Amino acid sequence: MILTKDNVEVGVGVTLHGWSDCVPYTIVRISGQRVYIQKDTATRLTEPIIIPGGFAGVCVNNADIKYDITPNPDGRIMCLYPKKTGAYYYQNKPVTIGRNYFYDYNF
């Protein structure tokens, strides 16, 4: 679910989506329409399996890698503004509710 002005709340975990990567954040402050998010810590629990291929190798278990995600009080803080639709984006990339981390080893 996309983060909007109607469902924003301090303490909620959100995910900032990149091209193929996803990074977890926590909403730490709301000021008017501005929403401040702080980067969480993602600790990898499953090792990637890389086999020969492509330019340097191919990760065959990319989607199966698990992470432990925890709020980080020292994490980087960013400010989000809503678009005219009321949805929050960062550099035209969507922000969704829920903490998820994904690193695309094959990109």
PDB file of N, CA and C in Angstrom:
ATOM      1  N   MET A   1       0.843  -1.167   0.000  1.00  0.00           N
ATOM      2  CA  MET A   1       0.000   0.000   0.000  1.00  0.00           C
ATOM      3  C   MET A   1       0.897   1.241   0.000  1.00  0.00           C
ATOM      4  N   ILE A   2       0.615   2.168  -0.891  1.00  0.00           N
ATOM      5  CA  ILE A   2       1.379   3.417  -1.012  1.00  0.00           C
ATOM      6  C   ILE A   2       1.128   4.293   0.226  1.00  0.00           C
ATOM      7  N   LEU A   3       2.179   4.938   0.711  1.00  0.00           N
ATOM      8  CA  LEU A   3       2.067   5.878   1.823  1.00  0.00           C
ATOM      9  C   LEU A   3       1.389   7.146   1.322  1.00  0.00           C
ATOM     10  N   THR A   4       0.315   7.569   2.001  1.00  0.00           N
ATOM     11  CA  THR A   4      -0.408   8.779   1.624  1.00  0.00           C
ATOM     12  C   THR A   4      -0.630   9.662   2.847  1.00  0.00           C
ATOM     13  N   LYS A   5      -1.137  10.862   2.604  1.00  0.00           N
ATOM     14  CA  LYS A   5      -1.448  11.779   3.708  1.00  0.00           C
ATOM     15  C   LYS A   5      -2.490  11.172   4.648  1.00  0.00           C
ATOM     16  N   ASP A   6      -3.305  10.253   4.147  1.00  0.00           N
ATOM     17  CA  ASP A   6      -4.386   9.674   4.946  1.00  0.00           C
ATOM     18  C   ASP A   6      -3.926   8.527   5.845  1.00  0.00           C
ATOM     19  N   ASN A   7      -2.791   7.900   5.552  1.00  0.00           N
ATOM     20  CA  ASN A   7      -2.377   6.750   6.356  1.00  0.00           C
ATOM     21  C   ASN A   7      -0.995   6.907   6.995  1.00  0.00           C
ATOM     22  N   VAL A   8      -0.475   8.120   7.035  1.00  0.00           N
ATOM     23  CA  VAL A   8       0.845   8.366   7.617  1.00  0.00           C
ATOM     24  C   VAL A   8       0.730   8.450   9.135  1.00  0.00           C
ATOM     25  N   GLU A   9       1.696   7.828   9.849  1.00  0.00           N
ATOM     26  CA  GLU A   9       1.668   7.814  11.307  1.00  0.00           C
ATOM     27  C   GLU A   9       3.089   7.592  11.834  1.00  0.00           C
ATOM     28  N   VAL A  10       3.474   8.325  12.874  1.00  0.00           N
ATOM     29  CA  VAL A  10       4.808   8.189  13.464  1.00  0.00           C
ATOM     30  C   VAL A  10       4.984   6.767  14.005  1.00  0.00           C
ATOM     31  N   GLY A  11       6.164   6.201  13.758  1.00  0.00           N
ATOM     32  CA  GLY A  11       6.482   4.863  14.239  1.00  0.00           C
ATOM     33  C   GLY A  11       6.220   3.759  13.230  1.00  0.00           C
ATOM     34  N   VAL A  12       5.532   4.088  12.157  1.00  0.00           N
ATOM     35  CA  VAL A  12       5.202   3.089  11.141  1.00  0.00           C
ATOM     36  C   VAL A  12       6.432   2.820  10.278  1.00  0.00           C
ATOM     37  N   GLY A  13       6.648   1.555   9.948  1.00  0.00           N
ATOM     38  CA  GLY A  13       7.723   1.175   9.046  1.00  0.00           C
ATOM     39  C   GLY A  13       7.287   1.360   7.607  1.00  0.00           C
ATOM     40  N   VAL A  14       8.189   1.878   6.786  1.00  0.00           N
ATOM     41  CA  VAL A  14       7.897   2.088   5.370  1.00  0.00           C
ATOM     42  C   VAL A  14       9.073   1.577   4.539  1.00  0.00           C
ATOM     43  N   THR A  15       8.841   1.422   3.251  1.00  0.00           N
ATOM     44  CA  THR A  15       9.879   0.969   2.335  1.00  0.00           C
ATOM     45  C   THR A  15      10.031   1.969   1.209  1.00  0.00           C
ATOM     46  N   LEU A  16      11.271   2.384   0.985  1.00  0.00           N
ATOM     47  CA  LEU A  16      11.583   3.258  -0.132  1.00  0.00           C
ATOM     48  C   LEU A  16      12.063   2.361  -1.275  1.00  0.00           C
ATOM     49  N   HIS A  17      11.399   2.443  -2.406  1.00  0.00           N
ATOM     50  CA  HIS A  17      11.707   1.585  -3.547  1.00  0.00           C
ATOM     51  C   HIS A  17      12.655   2.299  -4.501  1.00  0.00           C
ATOM     52  N   GLY A  18      13.723   1.610  -4.880  1.00  0.00           N
ATOM     53  CA  GLY A  18      14.654   2.122  -5.875  1.00  0.00           C
ATOM     54  C   GLY A  18      14.334   1.456  -7.198  1.00  0.00           C
ATOM     55  N   TRP A  19      15.326   1.310  -8.040  1.00  0.00           N
ATOM     56  CA  TRP A  19      15.077   0.643  -9.323  1.00  0.00           C
ATOM     57  C   TRP A  19      14.646  -0.787  -9.078  1.00  0.00           C
ATOM     58  N   SER A  20      15.505  -1.569  -8.460  1.00  0.00           N
ATOM     59  CA  SER A  20      15.114  -2.927  -8.109  1.00  0.00           C
ATOM     60  C   SER A  20      15.340  -3.193  -6.630  1.00  0.00           C
ATOM     61  N   ASP A  21      16.049  -2.307  -5.952  1.00  0.00           N
ATOM     62  CA  ASP A  21      16.310  -2.464  -4.526  1.00  0.00           C
ATOM     63  C   ASP A  21      15.213  -1.816  -3.696  1.00  0.00           C
ATOM     64  N   CYS A  22      15.074  -2.299  -2.454  1.00  0.00           N
ATOM     65  CA  CYS A  22      14.118  -1.737  -1.497  1.00  0.00           C
ATOM     66  C   CYS A  22      14.858  -1.507  -0.181  1.00  0.00           C
ATOM     67  N   VAL A  23      14.603  -0.363   0.466  1.00  0.00           N
ATOM     68  CA  VAL A  23      15.292  -0.013   1.705  1.00  0.00           C
ATOM     69  C   VAL A  23      14.248   0.369   2.764  1.00  0.00           C
ATOM     70  N   PRO A  24      14.345  -0.228   3.985  1.00  0.00           N
ATOM     71  CA  PRO A  24      13.372   0.059   5.039  1.00  0.00           C
ATOM     72  C   PRO A  24      13.699   1.337   5.822  1.00  0.00           C
ATOM     73  N   TYR A  25      12.651   2.037   6.199  1.00  0.00           N
ATOM     74  CA  TYR A  25      12.739   3.254   7.012  1.00  0.00           C
ATOM     75  C   TYR A  25      11.622   3.232   8.052  1.00  0.00           C
ATOM     76  N   THR A  26      11.742   4.123   9.037  1.00  0.00           N
ATOM     77  CA  THR A  26      10.698   4.314  10.041  1.00  0.00           C
ATOM     78  C   THR A  26      10.295   5.785  10.031  1.00  0.00           C
ATOM     79  N   ILE A  27       9.003   6.053  10.092  1.00  0.00           N
ATOM     80  CA  ILE A  27       8.522   7.436  10.179  1.00  0.00           C
ATOM     81  C   ILE A  27       8.818   7.944  11.583  1.00  0.00           C
ATOM     82  N   VAL A  28       9.601   9.019  11.670  1.00  0.00           N
ATOM     83  CA  VAL A  28      10.007   9.535  12.982  1.00  0.00           C
ATOM     84  C   VAL A  28       9.357  10.872  13.328  1.00  0.00           C
ATOM     85  N   ARG A  29       8.841  11.594  12.326  1.00  0.00           N
ATOM     86  CA  ARG A  29       8.224  12.889  12.619  1.00  0.00           C
ATOM     87  C   ARG A  29       7.328  13.293  11.462  1.00  0.00           C
ATOM     88  N   ILE A  30       6.253  13.975  11.809  1.00  0.00           N
ATOM     89  CA  ILE A  30       5.343  14.551  10.818  1.00  0.00           C
ATOM     90  C   ILE A  30       5.200  16.026  11.150  1.00  0.00           C
ATOM     91  N   SER A  31       5.424  16.888  10.157  1.00  0.00           N
ATOM     92  CA  SER A  31       5.307  18.319  10.354  1.00  0.00           C
ATOM     93  C   SER A  31       4.514  18.883   9.183  1.00  0.00           C
ATOM     94  N   GLY A  32       3.236  19.158   9.419  1.00  0.00           N
ATOM     95  CA  GLY A  32       2.371  19.596   8.326  1.00  0.00           C
ATOM     96  C   GLY A  32       2.238  18.465   7.329  1.00  0.00           C
ATOM     97  N   GLN A  33       2.591  18.728   6.072  1.00  0.00           N
ATOM     98  CA  GLN A  33       2.545  17.679   5.062  1.00  0.00           C
ATOM     99  C   GLN A  33       3.881  16.955   4.923  1.00  0.00           C
ATOM    100  N   ARG A  34       4.909  17.466   5.589  1.00  0.00           N
ATOM    101  CA  ARG A  34       6.228  16.833   5.523  1.00  0.00           C
ATOM    102  C   ARG A  34       6.257  15.598   6.421  1.00  0.00           C
ATOM    103  N   VAL A  35       6.899  14.557   5.913  1.00  0.00           N
ATOM    104  CA  VAL A  35       7.086  13.324   6.675  1.00  0.00           C
ATOM    105  C   VAL A  35       8.580  13.033   6.713  1.00  0.00           C
ATOM    106  N   TYR A  36       9.115  12.836   7.922  1.00  0.00           N
ATOM    107  CA  TYR A  36      10.534  12.552   8.089  1.00  0.00           C
ATOM    108  C   TYR A  36      10.698  11.060   8.373  1.00  0.00           C
ATOM    109  N   ILE A  37      11.544  10.410   7.551  1.00  0.00           N
ATOM    110  CA  ILE A  37      11.778   8.986   7.712  1.00  0.00           C
ATOM    111  C   ILE A  37      13.252   8.752   8.032  1.00  0.00           C
ATOM    112  N   GLN A  38      13.504   7.727   8.864  1.00  0.00           N
ATOM    113  CA  GLN A  38      14.864   7.408   9.284  1.00  0.00           C
ATOM    114  C   GLN A  38      15.207   5.988   8.836  1.00  0.00           C
ATOM    115  N   LYS A  39      16.397   5.846   8.235  1.00  0.00           N
ATOM    116  CA  LYS A  39      16.815   4.562   7.674  1.00  0.00           C
ATOM    117  C   LYS A  39      17.002   3.508   8.763  1.00  0.00           C
ATOM    118  N   ASP A  40      16.420   2.325   8.530  1.00  0.00           N
ATOM    119  CA  ASP A  40      16.539   1.197   9.448  1.00  0.00           C
ATOM    120  C   ASP A  40      17.812   0.404   9.150  1.00  0.00           C
ATOM    121  N   THR A  41      18.132  -0.532  10.042  1.00  0.00           N
ATOM    122  CA  THR A  41      19.249  -1.433   9.847  1.00  0.00           C
ATOM    123  C   THR A  41      18.714  -2.775   9.354  1.00  0.00           C
ATOM    124  N   ALA A  42      19.285  -3.271   8.268  1.00  0.00           N
ATOM    125  CA  ALA A  42      18.910  -4.582   7.733  1.00  0.00           C
ATOM    126  C   ALA A  42      20.131  -5.493   7.830  1.00  0.00           C
ATOM    127  N   THR A  43      20.003  -6.569   8.590  1.00  0.00           N
ATOM    128  CA  THR A  43      21.082  -7.531   8.765  1.00  0.00           C
ATOM    129  C   THR A  43      20.744  -8.795   7.992  1.00  0.00           C
ATOM    130  N   ARG A  44      21.623  -9.182   7.084  1.00  0.00           N
ATOM    131  CA  ARG A  44      21.373 -10.363   6.254  1.00  0.00           C
ATOM    132  C   ARG A  44      21.461 -11.625   7.096  1.00  0.00           C
ATOM    133  N   LEU A  45      20.443 -12.489   6.998  1.00  0.00           N
ATOM    134  CA  LEU A  45      20.409 -13.751   7.725  1.00  0.00           C
ATOM    135  C   LEU A  45      20.755 -14.940   6.831  1.00  0.00           C
ATOM    136  N   THR A  46      20.574 -14.783   5.537  1.00  0.00           N
ATOM    137  CA  THR A  46      20.834 -15.844   4.560  1.00  0.00           C
ATOM    138  C   THR A  46      21.912 -15.369   3.596  1.00  0.00           C
ATOM    139  N   GLU A  47      22.885 -16.211   3.332  1.00  0.00           N
ATOM    140  CA  GLU A  47      23.962 -15.845   2.413  1.00  0.00           C
ATOM    141  C   GLU A  47      23.523 -16.020   0.963  1.00  0.00           C
ATOM    142  N   PRO A  48      23.962 -15.121   0.078  1.00  0.00           N
ATOM    143  CA  PRO A  48      23.665 -15.289  -1.341  1.00  0.00           C
ATOM    144  C   PRO A  48      24.496 -16.442  -1.927  1.00  0.00           C
ATOM    145  N   ILE A  49      23.898 -17.152  -2.867  1.00  0.00           N
ATOM    146  CA  ILE A  49      24.611 -18.213  -3.579  1.00  0.00           C
ATOM    147  C   ILE A  49      24.906 -17.687  -4.975  1.00  0.00           C
ATOM    148  N   ILE A  50      26.194 -17.495  -5.256  1.00  0.00           N
ATOM    149  CA  ILE A  50      26.628 -16.934  -6.529  1.00  0.00           C
ATOM    150  C   ILE A  50      27.276 -18.053  -7.364  1.00  0.00           C
ATOM    151  N   ILE A  51      26.807 -18.202  -8.604  1.00  0.00           N
ATOM    152  CA  ILE A  51      27.405 -19.174  -9.514  1.00  0.00           C
ATOM    153  C   ILE A  51      28.017 -18.417 -10.695  1.00  0.00           C
ATOM    154  N   PRO A  52      28.981 -19.021 -11.389  1.00  0.00           N
ATOM    155  CA  PRO A  52      29.585 -18.348 -12.549  1.00  0.00           C
ATOM    156  C   PRO A  52      28.548 -18.043 -13.625  1.00  0.00           C
ATOM    157  N   GLY A  53      28.697 -16.894 -14.242  1.00  0.00           N
ATOM    158  CA  GLY A  53      27.790 -16.492 -15.308  1.00  0.00           C
ATOM    159  C   GLY A  53      27.684 -14.979 -15.364  1.00  0.00           C
ATOM    160  N   GLY A  54      27.074 -14.443 -16.415  1.00  0.00           N
ATOM    161  CA  GLY A  54      26.941 -13.003 -16.550  1.00  0.00           C
ATOM    162  C   GLY A  54      28.299 -12.330 -16.576  1.00  0.00           C
ATOM    163  N   PHE A  55      28.403 -11.136 -15.999  1.00  0.00           N
ATOM    164  CA  PHE A  55      29.680 -10.420 -15.971  1.00  0.00           C
ATOM    165  C   PHE A  55      30.585 -10.958 -14.874  1.00  0.00           C
ATOM    166  N   ALA A  56      30.015 -11.203 -13.689  1.00  0.00           N
ATOM    167  CA  ALA A  56      30.839 -11.664 -12.576  1.00  0.00           C
ATOM    168  C   ALA A  56      30.246 -12.876 -11.881  1.00  0.00           C
ATOM    169  N   GLY A  57      28.987 -13.137 -12.086  1.00  0.00           N
ATOM    170  CA  GLY A  57      28.302 -14.244 -11.434  1.00  0.00           C
ATOM    171  C   GLY A  57      26.821 -13.961 -11.348  1.00  0.00           C
ATOM    172  N   VAL A  58      26.055 -14.988 -11.034  1.00  0.00           N
ATOM    173  CA  VAL A  58      24.603 -14.863 -10.923  1.00  0.00           C
ATOM    174  C   VAL A  58      24.181 -15.380  -9.559  1.00  0.00           C
ATOM    175  N   CYS A  59      23.395 -14.603  -8.860  1.00  0.00           N
ATOM    176  CA  CYS A  59      22.863 -15.016  -7.567  1.00  0.00           C
ATOM    177  C   CYS A  59      21.593 -15.830  -7.828  1.00  0.00           C
ATOM    178  N   VAL A  60      21.614 -17.100  -7.449  1.00  0.00           N
ATOM    179  CA  VAL A  60      20.486 -17.985  -7.749  1.00  0.00           C
ATOM    180  C   VAL A  60      19.416 -17.980  -6.659  1.00  0.00           C
ATOM    181  N   ASN A  61      19.701 -17.409  -5.499  1.00  0.00           N
ATOM    182  CA  ASN A  61      18.710 -17.364  -4.416  1.00  0.00           C
ATOM    183  C   ASN A  61      18.369 -15.936  -4.006  1.00  0.00           C
ATOM    184  N   ASN A  62      18.448 -15.008  -4.938  1.00  0.00           N
ATOM    185  CA  ASN A  62      18.240 -13.585  -4.656  1.00  0.00           C
ATOM    186  C   ASN A  62      16.924 -13.311  -3.919  1.00  0.00           C
ATOM    187  N   ALA A  63      15.846 -13.901  -4.385  1.00  0.00           N
ATOM    188  CA  ALA A  63      14.527 -13.648  -3.790  1.00  0.00           C
ATOM    189  C   ALA A  63      14.335 -14.369  -2.460  1.00  0.00           C
ATOM    190  N   ASP A  64      15.195 -15.333  -2.149  1.00  0.00           N
ATOM    191  CA  ASP A  64      15.042 -16.120  -0.922  1.00  0.00           C
ATOM    192  C   ASP A  64      15.899 -15.628   0.239  1.00  0.00           C
ATOM    193  N   ILE A  65      16.723 -14.616   0.019  1.00  0.00           N
ATOM    194  CA  ILE A  65      17.589 -14.109   1.077  1.00  0.00           C
ATOM    195  C   ILE A  65      16.746 -13.374   2.114  1.00  0.00           C
ATOM    196  N   LYS A  66      16.948 -13.710   3.381  1.00  0.00           N
ATOM    197  CA  LYS A  66      16.174 -13.140   4.489  1.00  0.00           C
ATOM    198  C   LYS A  66      17.008 -12.108   5.235  1.00  0.00           C
ATOM    199  N   TYR A  67      16.322 -11.099   5.780  1.00  0.00           N
ATOM    200  CA  TYR A  67      16.968 -10.019   6.521  1.00  0.00           C
ATOM    201  C   TYR A  67      16.227  -9.771   7.830  1.00  0.00           C
ATOM    202  N   ASP A  68      16.973  -9.389   8.858  1.00  0.00           N
ATOM    203  CA  ASP A  68      16.406  -8.917  10.118  1.00  0.00           C
ATOM    204  C   ASP A  68      16.424  -7.394  10.048  1.00  0.00           C
ATOM    205  N   ILE A  69      15.261  -6.768  10.166  1.00  0.00           N
ATOM    206  CA  ILE A  69      15.153  -5.315  10.028  1.00  0.00           C
ATOM    207  C   ILE A  69      14.780  -4.698  11.376  1.00  0.00           C
ATOM    208  N   THR A  70      15.582  -3.725  11.817  1.00  0.00           N
ATOM    209  CA  THR A  70      15.327  -3.043  13.081  1.00  0.00           C
ATOM    210  C   THR A  70      15.496  -1.536  12.906  1.00  0.00           C
ATOM    211  N   PRO A  71      14.700  -0.739  13.627  1.00  0.00           N
ATOM    212  CA  PRO A  71      14.886   0.714  13.568  1.00  0.00           C
ATOM    213  C   PRO A  71      16.297   1.089  14.044  1.00  0.00           C
ATOM    214  N   ASN A  72      16.855   2.134  13.443  1.00  0.00           N
ATOM    215  CA  ASN A  72      18.194   2.593  13.782  1.00  0.00           C
ATOM    216  C   ASN A  72      18.110   4.059  14.204  1.00  0.00           C
ATOM    217  N   PRO A  73      18.234   4.352  15.518  1.00  0.00           N
ATOM    218  CA  PRO A  73      18.130   5.746  15.972  1.00  0.00           C
ATOM    219  C   PRO A  73      19.229   6.653  15.425  1.00  0.00           C
ATOM    220  N   ASP A  74      20.289   6.076  14.850  1.00  0.00           N
ATOM    221  CA  ASP A  74      21.371   6.862  14.263  1.00  0.00           C
ATOM    222  C   ASP A  74      21.302   6.878  12.739  1.00  0.00           C
ATOM    223  N   GLY A  75      20.234   6.326  12.170  1.00  0.00           N
ATOM    224  CA  GLY A  75      20.113   6.245  10.715  1.00  0.00           C
ATOM    225  C   GLY A  75      19.876   7.599  10.066  1.00  0.00           C
ATOM    226  N   ARG A  76      20.148   7.654   8.781  1.00  0.00           N
ATOM    227  CA  ARG A  76      19.966   8.874   7.986  1.00  0.00           C
ATOM    228  C   ARG A  76      18.484   9.266   7.963  1.00  0.00           C
ATOM    229  N   ILE A  77      18.213  10.558   8.127  1.00  0.00           N
ATOM    230  CA  ILE A  77      16.840  11.062   8.099  1.00  0.00           C
ATOM    231  C   ILE A  77      16.610  11.800   6.790  1.00  0.00           C
ATOM    232  N   MET A  78      15.476  11.511   6.156  1.00  0.00           N
ATOM    233  CA  MET A  78      15.099  12.173   4.907  1.00  0.00           C
ATOM    234  C   MET A  78      13.693  12.746   5.061  1.00  0.00           C
ATOM    235  N   CYS A  79      13.419  13.764   4.287  1.00  0.00           N
ATOM    236  CA  CYS A  79      12.111  14.422   4.315  1.00  0.00           C
ATOM    237  C   CYS A  79      11.353  14.100   3.030  1.00  0.00           C
ATOM    238  N   LEU A  80      10.088  13.715   3.182  1.00  0.00           N
ATOM    239  CA  LEU A  80       9.222  13.415   2.043  1.00  0.00           C
ATOM    240  C   LEU A  80       8.107  14.449   1.957  1.00  0.00           C
ATOM    241  N   TYR A  81       7.711  14.760   0.746  1.00  0.00           N
ATOM    242  CA  TYR A  81       6.588  15.651   0.494  1.00  0.00           C
ATOM    243  C   TYR A  81       5.570  14.899  -0.360  1.00  0.00           C
ATOM    244  N   PRO A  82       4.273  15.137  -0.145  1.00  0.00           N
ATOM    245  CA  PRO A  82       3.287  14.433  -0.967  1.00  0.00           C
ATOM    246  C   PRO A  82       3.154  15.066  -2.353  1.00  0.00           C
ATOM    247  N   LYS A  83       2.800  14.236  -3.318  1.00  0.00           N
ATOM    248  CA  LYS A  83       2.459  14.740  -4.654  1.00  0.00           C
ATOM    249  C   LYS A  83       1.029  15.270  -4.602  1.00  0.00           C
ATOM    250  N   LYS A  84       0.540  15.789  -5.703  1.00  0.00           N
ATOM    251  CA  LYS A  84      -0.829  16.321  -5.744  1.00  0.00           C
ATOM    252  C   LYS A  84      -1.863  15.259  -5.422  1.00  0.00           C
ATOM    253  N   THR A  85      -1.538  14.001  -5.690  1.00  0.00           N
ATOM    254  CA  THR A  85      -2.461  12.891  -5.410  1.00  0.00           C
ATOM    255  C   THR A  85      -2.531  12.566  -3.926  1.00  0.00           C
ATOM    256  N   GLY A  86      -1.581  13.091  -3.133  1.00  0.00           N
ATOM    257  CA  GLY A  86      -1.526  12.798  -1.707  1.00  0.00           C
ATOM    258  C   GLY A  86      -0.573  11.670  -1.377  1.00  0.00           C
ATOM    259  N   ALA A  87      -0.010  11.015  -2.407  1.00  0.00           N
ATOM    260  CA  ALA A  87       0.932   9.917  -2.193  1.00  0.00           C
ATOM    261  C   ALA A  87       2.348  10.463  -2.016  1.00  0.00           C
ATOM    262  N   TYR A  88       3.109   9.794  -1.153  1.00  0.00           N
ATOM    263  CA  TYR A  88       4.489  10.195  -0.898  1.00  0.00           C
ATOM    264  C   TYR A  88       5.443   9.420  -1.806  1.00  0.00           C
ATOM    265  N   TYR A  89       6.381  10.150  -2.387  1.00  0.00           N
ATOM    266  CA  TYR A  89       7.412   9.586  -3.244  1.00  0.00           C
ATOM    267  C   TYR A  89       8.740  10.201  -2.850  1.00  0.00           C
ATOM    268  N   TYR A  90       9.831   9.528  -3.193  1.00  0.00           N
ATOM    269  CA  TYR A  90      11.156  10.101  -3.030  1.00  0.00           C
ATOM    270  C   TYR A  90      11.844   9.993  -4.388  1.00  0.00           C
ATOM    271  N   GLN A  91      12.153  11.117  -4.991  1.00  0.00           N
ATOM    272  CA  GLN A  91      12.757  11.174  -6.317  1.00  0.00           C
ATOM    273  C   GLN A  91      11.966  10.319  -7.314  1.00  0.00           C
ATOM    274  N   ASN A  92      10.657  10.497  -7.315  1.00  0.00           N
ATOM    275  CA  ASN A  92       9.727   9.798  -8.204  1.00  0.00           C
ATOM    276  C   ASN A  92       9.699   8.288  -8.010  1.00  0.00           C
ATOM    277  N   LYS A  93      10.148   7.815  -6.862  1.00  0.00           N
ATOM    278  CA  LYS A  93      10.077   6.396  -6.531  1.00  0.00           C
ATOM    279  C   LYS A  93       9.102   6.243  -5.364  1.00  0.00           C
ATOM    280  N   PRO A  94       8.207   5.249  -5.418  1.00  0.00           N
ATOM    281  CA  PRO A  94       7.161   5.131  -4.406  1.00  0.00           C
ATOM    282  C   PRO A  94       7.672   4.737  -3.028  1.00  0.00           C
ATOM    283  N   VAL A  95       6.928   5.167  -2.024  1.00  0.00           N
ATOM    284  CA  VAL A  95       7.164   4.775  -0.643  1.00  0.00           C
ATOM    285  C   VAL A  95       5.929   3.997  -0.210  1.00  0.00           C
ATOM    286  N   THR A  96       6.129   2.772   0.290  1.00  0.00           N
ATOM    287  CA  THR A  96       5.007   1.928   0.687  1.00  0.00           C
ATOM    288  C   THR A  96       5.052   1.651   2.184  1.00  0.00           C
ATOM    289  N   ILE A  97       3.925   1.260   2.726  1.00  0.00           N
ATOM    290  CA  ILE A  97       3.828   0.921   4.140  1.00  0.00           C
ATOM    291  C   ILE A  97       4.365  -0.493   4.340  1.00  0.00           C
ATOM    292  N   GLY A  98       5.130  -0.680   5.416  1.00  0.00           N
ATOM    293  CA  GLY A  98       5.728  -1.977   5.730  1.00  0.00           C
ATOM    294  C   GLY A  98       7.222  -1.946   5.476  1.00  0.00           C
ATOM    295  N   ARG A  99       7.968  -2.612   6.338  1.00  0.00           N
ATOM    296  CA  ARG A  99       9.426  -2.637   6.200  1.00  0.00           C
ATOM    297  C   ARG A  99       9.855  -3.823   5.338  1.00  0.00           C
ATOM    298  N   ASN A 100      10.554  -3.539   4.264  1.00  0.00           N
ATOM    299  CA  ASN A 100      11.111  -4.576   3.394  1.00  0.00           C
ATOM    300  C   ASN A 100      12.497  -4.154   2.960  1.00  0.00           C
ATOM    301  N   TYR A 101      13.378  -5.142   2.827  1.00  0.00           N
ATOM    302  CA  TYR A 101      14.714  -4.882   2.304  1.00  0.00           C
ATOM    303  C   TYR A 101      14.969  -5.874   1.182  1.00  0.00           C
ATOM    304  N   PHE A 102      15.489  -5.376   0.076  1.00  0.00           N
ATOM    305  CA  PHE A 102      15.863  -6.244  -1.029  1.00  0.00           C
ATOM    306  C   PHE A 102      17.052  -5.621  -1.731  1.00  0.00           C
ATOM    307  N   TYR A 103      18.106  -6.411  -1.870  1.00  0.00           N
ATOM    308  CA  TYR A 103      19.271  -5.992  -2.628  1.00  0.00           C
ATOM    309  C   TYR A 103      19.368  -6.912  -3.830  1.00  0.00           C
ATOM    310  N   ASP A 104      19.347  -6.340  -5.012  1.00  0.00           N
ATOM    311  CA  ASP A 104      19.372  -7.121  -6.242  1.00  0.00           C
ATOM    312  C   ASP A 104      20.818  -7.422  -6.622  1.00  0.00           C
ATOM    313  N   TYR A 105      21.279  -8.612  -6.263  1.00  0.00           N
ATOM    314  CA  TYR A 105      22.645  -9.032  -6.583  1.00  0.00           C
ATOM    315  C   TYR A 105      22.845  -9.217  -8.083  1.00  0.00           C
ATOM    316  N   ASN A 106      21.771  -9.342  -8.842  1.00  0.00           N
ATOM    317  CA  ASN A 106      21.866  -9.600 -10.273  1.00  0.00           C
ATOM    318  C   ASN A 106      21.725  -8.359 -11.135  1.00  0.00           C
ATOM    319  N   PHE A 107      21.668  -7.185 -10.523  1.00  0.00           N
ATOM    320  CA  PHE A 107      21.486  -5.962 -11.302  1.00  0.00           C
ATOM    321  C   PHE A 107      22.801  -5.380 -11.711  1.00  0.00           C
TER     322      PHE A 107
END
